[in-house]
């Protein structure tokens, strides 16, 4: 089972970016998929999660209303659409699988390699 995050890049404040989590060896209908991020010098932070089987999505207060998590059945990916980006959103973004939408990173496995999102003018 492998997860791979992609889609990061450089975007100006107020801009949008979509990061994706692709899976191999796992049906994304079954686990919850969480997005986390880690900014330089900071601890890893839970951002959002989706539990397709229960049609559940959750967001951290810091991104609610700006980010949207979704399931792309055609591509078998979990996407995180990020709008109205702020410099404080700059971080490496990771996706990981769990049995439910937990906030604690130690409850998630496996983890994919992260993708860097930089919000800067």
C-alpha atoms as a PDB file:
ATOM      1  CA  UNK A   1       0.000   0.000   0.000  1.00  0.00           C
ATOM      2  CA  UNK A   2       1.401   3.348  -1.019  1.00  0.00           C
ATOM      3  CA  UNK A   3       0.119   6.888  -0.967  1.00  0.00           C
ATOM      4  CA  UNK A   4       1.644   9.703  -2.966  1.00  0.00           C
ATOM      5  CA  UNK A   5       0.867  13.383  -2.631  1.00  0.00           C
ATOM      6  CA  UNK A   6       1.385  15.686  -5.600  1.00  0.00           C
ATOM      7  CA  UNK A   7       0.380  19.052  -6.975  1.00  0.00           C
ATOM      8  CA  UNK A   8       2.309  21.390  -4.743  1.00  0.00           C
ATOM      9  CA  UNK A   9       3.980  24.525  -5.997  1.00  0.00           C
ATOM     10  CA  UNK A  10       4.391  28.252  -5.620  1.00  0.00           C
ATOM     11  CA  UNK A  11       1.259  30.396  -5.485  1.00  0.00           C
ATOM     12  CA  UNK A  12       0.596  34.011  -4.606  1.00  0.00           C
ATOM     13  CA  UNK A  13      -1.446  34.960  -1.554  1.00  0.00           C
ATOM     14  CA  UNK A  14      -5.129  34.763  -2.388  1.00  0.00           C
ATOM     15  CA  UNK A  15      -4.489  32.183  -5.068  1.00  0.00           C
ATOM     16  CA  UNK A  16      -5.617  28.584  -5.395  1.00  0.00           C
ATOM     17  CA  UNK A  17      -3.925  25.229  -5.674  1.00  0.00           C
ATOM     18  CA  UNK A  18      -5.085  21.641  -5.676  1.00  0.00           C
ATOM     19  CA  UNK A  19      -3.042  18.839  -4.170  1.00  0.00           C
ATOM     20  CA  UNK A  20      -3.878  15.210  -4.808  1.00  0.00           C
ATOM     21  CA  UNK A  21      -3.305  11.933  -2.996  1.00  0.00           C
ATOM     22  CA  UNK A  22      -2.972   8.889  -5.222  1.00  0.00           C
ATOM     23  CA  UNK A  23      -3.116   5.380  -3.846  1.00  0.00           C
ATOM     24  CA  UNK A  24      -1.843   2.026  -4.983  1.00  0.00           C
ATOM     25  CA  UNK A  25      -2.792  -1.234  -3.352  1.00  0.00           C
ATOM     26  CA  UNK A  26      -5.736   0.262  -1.519  1.00  0.00           C
ATOM     27  CA  UNK A  27      -9.329   1.065  -2.373  1.00  0.00           C
ATOM     28  CA  UNK A  28      -9.888   4.660  -1.341  1.00  0.00           C
ATOM     29  CA  UNK A  29     -13.534   3.925  -0.599  1.00  0.00           C
ATOM     30  CA  UNK A  30     -12.645   2.165   2.631  1.00  0.00           C
ATOM     31  CA  UNK A  31     -10.221   4.100   4.797  1.00  0.00           C
ATOM     32  CA  UNK A  32     -10.398   7.665   5.932  1.00  0.00           C
ATOM     33  CA  UNK A  33      -7.787   9.789   4.189  1.00  0.00           C
ATOM     34  CA  UNK A  34      -6.346  12.690   6.077  1.00  0.00           C
ATOM     35  CA  UNK A  35      -4.302  15.641   4.951  1.00  0.00           C
ATOM     36  CA  UNK A  36      -1.651  17.001   7.265  1.00  0.00           C
ATOM     37  CA  UNK A  37       0.897  19.743   6.816  1.00  0.00           C
ATOM     38  CA  UNK A  38       4.193  20.644   8.391  1.00  0.00           C
ATOM     39  CA  UNK A  39       5.676  24.099   8.161  1.00  0.00           C
ATOM     40  CA  UNK A  40       9.397  24.678   8.748  1.00  0.00           C
ATOM     41  CA  UNK A  41      10.186  24.533  12.439  1.00  0.00           C
ATOM     42  CA  UNK A  42       6.644  23.543  13.394  1.00  0.00           C
ATOM     43  CA  UNK A  43       4.893  20.329  14.351  1.00  0.00           C
ATOM     44  CA  UNK A  44       2.808  18.419  11.864  1.00  0.00           C
ATOM     45  CA  UNK A  45      -0.751  19.746  11.809  1.00  0.00           C
ATOM     46  CA  UNK A  46      -3.991  17.992  10.852  1.00  0.00           C
ATOM     47  CA  UNK A  47      -5.756  19.875   8.037  1.00  0.00           C
ATOM     48  CA  UNK A  48      -8.662  17.831   6.753  1.00  0.00           C
ATOM     49  CA  UNK A  49     -10.000  14.336   6.239  1.00  0.00           C
ATOM     50  CA  UNK A  50     -12.566  12.460   4.244  1.00  0.00           C
ATOM     51  CA  UNK A  51     -14.271   9.167   5.046  1.00  0.00           C
ATOM     52  CA  UNK A  52     -16.046   8.234   1.801  1.00  0.00           C
ATOM     53  CA  UNK A  53     -17.820   5.222   3.273  1.00  0.00           C
ATOM     54  CA  UNK A  54     -19.646   7.485   5.746  1.00  0.00           C
ATOM     55  CA  UNK A  55     -19.766  10.501   3.410  1.00  0.00           C
ATOM     56  CA  UNK A  56     -17.890  12.472   6.043  1.00  0.00           C
ATOM     57  CA  UNK A  57     -15.515  15.394   5.672  1.00  0.00           C
ATOM     58  CA  UNK A  58     -13.773  17.363   8.399  1.00  0.00           C
ATOM     59  CA  UNK A  59     -11.668  20.524   8.419  1.00  0.00           C
ATOM     60  CA  UNK A  60      -9.366  22.294  10.802  1.00  0.00           C
ATOM     61  CA  UNK A  61     -10.648  25.694  11.888  1.00  0.00           C
ATOM     62  CA  UNK A  62      -7.696  27.354  10.161  1.00  0.00           C
ATOM     63  CA  UNK A  63      -8.784  26.134   6.711  1.00  0.00           C
ATOM     64  CA  UNK A  64     -12.554  25.699   6.990  1.00  0.00           C
ATOM     65  CA  UNK A  65     -14.313  27.677   4.275  1.00  0.00           C
ATOM     66  CA  UNK A  66     -11.149  27.921   2.181  1.00  0.00           C
ATOM     67  CA  UNK A  67     -10.187  24.283   1.589  1.00  0.00           C
ATOM     68  CA  UNK A  68     -12.340  21.501   0.167  1.00  0.00           C
ATOM     69  CA  UNK A  69     -11.554  17.788   0.270  1.00  0.00           C
ATOM     70  CA  UNK A  70     -13.074  15.423  -2.252  1.00  0.00           C
ATOM     71  CA  UNK A  71     -12.871  11.965  -3.777  1.00  0.00           C
ATOM     72  CA  UNK A  72     -12.157  11.555  -7.482  1.00  0.00           C
ATOM     73  CA  UNK A  73     -13.487   8.118  -8.358  1.00  0.00           C
ATOM     74  CA  UNK A  74     -12.240   8.201 -11.922  1.00  0.00           C
ATOM     75  CA  UNK A  75      -8.643   8.833 -10.901  1.00  0.00           C
ATOM     76  CA  UNK A  76      -8.804   7.063  -7.526  1.00  0.00           C
ATOM     77  CA  UNK A  77      -7.431  10.089  -5.754  1.00  0.00           C
ATOM     78  CA  UNK A  78      -8.326  12.257  -2.804  1.00  0.00           C
ATOM     79  CA  UNK A  79      -8.002  15.930  -3.674  1.00  0.00           C
ATOM     80  CA  UNK A  80      -7.578  18.972  -1.479  1.00  0.00           C
ATOM     81  CA  UNK A  81      -8.658  22.154  -3.227  1.00  0.00           C
ATOM     82  CA  UNK A  82      -7.055  25.103  -1.494  1.00  0.00           C
ATOM     83  CA  UNK A  83      -8.467  28.565  -2.127  1.00  0.00           C
ATOM     84  CA  UNK A  84      -7.724  31.997  -0.683  1.00  0.00           C
ATOM     85  CA  UNK A  85      -4.273  30.779   0.243  1.00  0.00           C
ATOM     86  CA  UNK A  86      -2.295  32.640   2.878  1.00  0.00           C
ATOM     87  CA  UNK A  87       1.451  32.718   3.567  1.00  0.00           C
ATOM     88  CA  UNK A  88       0.766  30.737   6.753  1.00  0.00           C
ATOM     89  CA  UNK A  89      -0.502  27.872   4.582  1.00  0.00           C
ATOM     90  CA  UNK A  90       3.068  27.328   3.403  1.00  0.00           C
ATOM     91  CA  UNK A  91       4.077  23.801   4.365  1.00  0.00           C
ATOM     92  CA  UNK A  92       4.782  20.317   3.131  1.00  0.00           C
ATOM     93  CA  UNK A  93       1.412  18.625   2.707  1.00  0.00           C
ATOM     94  CA  UNK A  94       1.051  14.903   3.404  1.00  0.00           C
ATOM     95  CA  UNK A  95      -1.767  12.424   2.968  1.00  0.00           C
ATOM     96  CA  UNK A  96      -2.251   9.318   5.079  1.00  0.00           C
ATOM     97  CA  UNK A  97      -4.835   6.600   5.725  1.00  0.00           C
ATOM     98  CA  UNK A  98      -6.681   5.701   8.926  1.00  0.00           C
ATOM     99  CA  UNK A  99      -9.730   3.818  10.129  1.00  0.00           C
ATOM    100  CA  UNK A 100     -11.655   7.034  10.755  1.00  0.00           C
ATOM    101  CA  UNK A 101     -11.216  10.812  10.641  1.00  0.00           C
ATOM    102  CA  UNK A 102      -8.797  11.154  13.529  1.00  0.00           C
ATOM    103  CA  UNK A 103      -6.881  14.328  14.302  1.00  0.00           C
ATOM    104  CA  UNK A 104      -3.801  12.568  15.692  1.00  0.00           C
ATOM    105  CA  UNK A 105      -1.123  11.697  13.174  1.00  0.00           C
ATOM    106  CA  UNK A 106       0.004   8.554  15.024  1.00  0.00           C
ATOM    107  CA  UNK A 107      -3.318   6.929  14.146  1.00  0.00           C
ATOM    108  CA  UNK A 108      -2.592   7.187  10.446  1.00  0.00           C
ATOM    109  CA  UNK A 109      -0.640   4.697   8.369  1.00  0.00           C
ATOM    110  CA  UNK A 110       0.651   4.519   5.733  1.00  0.00           C
ATOM    111  CA  UNK A 111       1.914   7.970   4.859  1.00  0.00           C
ATOM    112  CA  UNK A 112       2.724   9.297   1.444  1.00  0.00           C
ATOM    113  CA  UNK A 113       5.635  11.483   0.520  1.00  0.00           C
ATOM    114  CA  UNK A 114       4.712  15.098   0.937  1.00  0.00           C
ATOM    115  CA  UNK A 115       4.340  17.871  -1.578  1.00  0.00           C
ATOM    116  CA  UNK A 116       5.559  21.398  -0.894  1.00  0.00           C
ATOM    117  CA  UNK A 117       3.106  24.290  -1.068  1.00  0.00           C
ATOM    118  CA  UNK A 118       4.629  27.761  -0.914  1.00  0.00           C
ATOM    119  CA  UNK A 119       2.392  30.808  -0.653  1.00  0.00           C
ATOM    120  CA  UNK A 120       4.414  33.901  -1.345  1.00  0.00           C
ATOM    121  CA  UNK A 121       4.392  37.038  -3.443  1.00  0.00           C
END
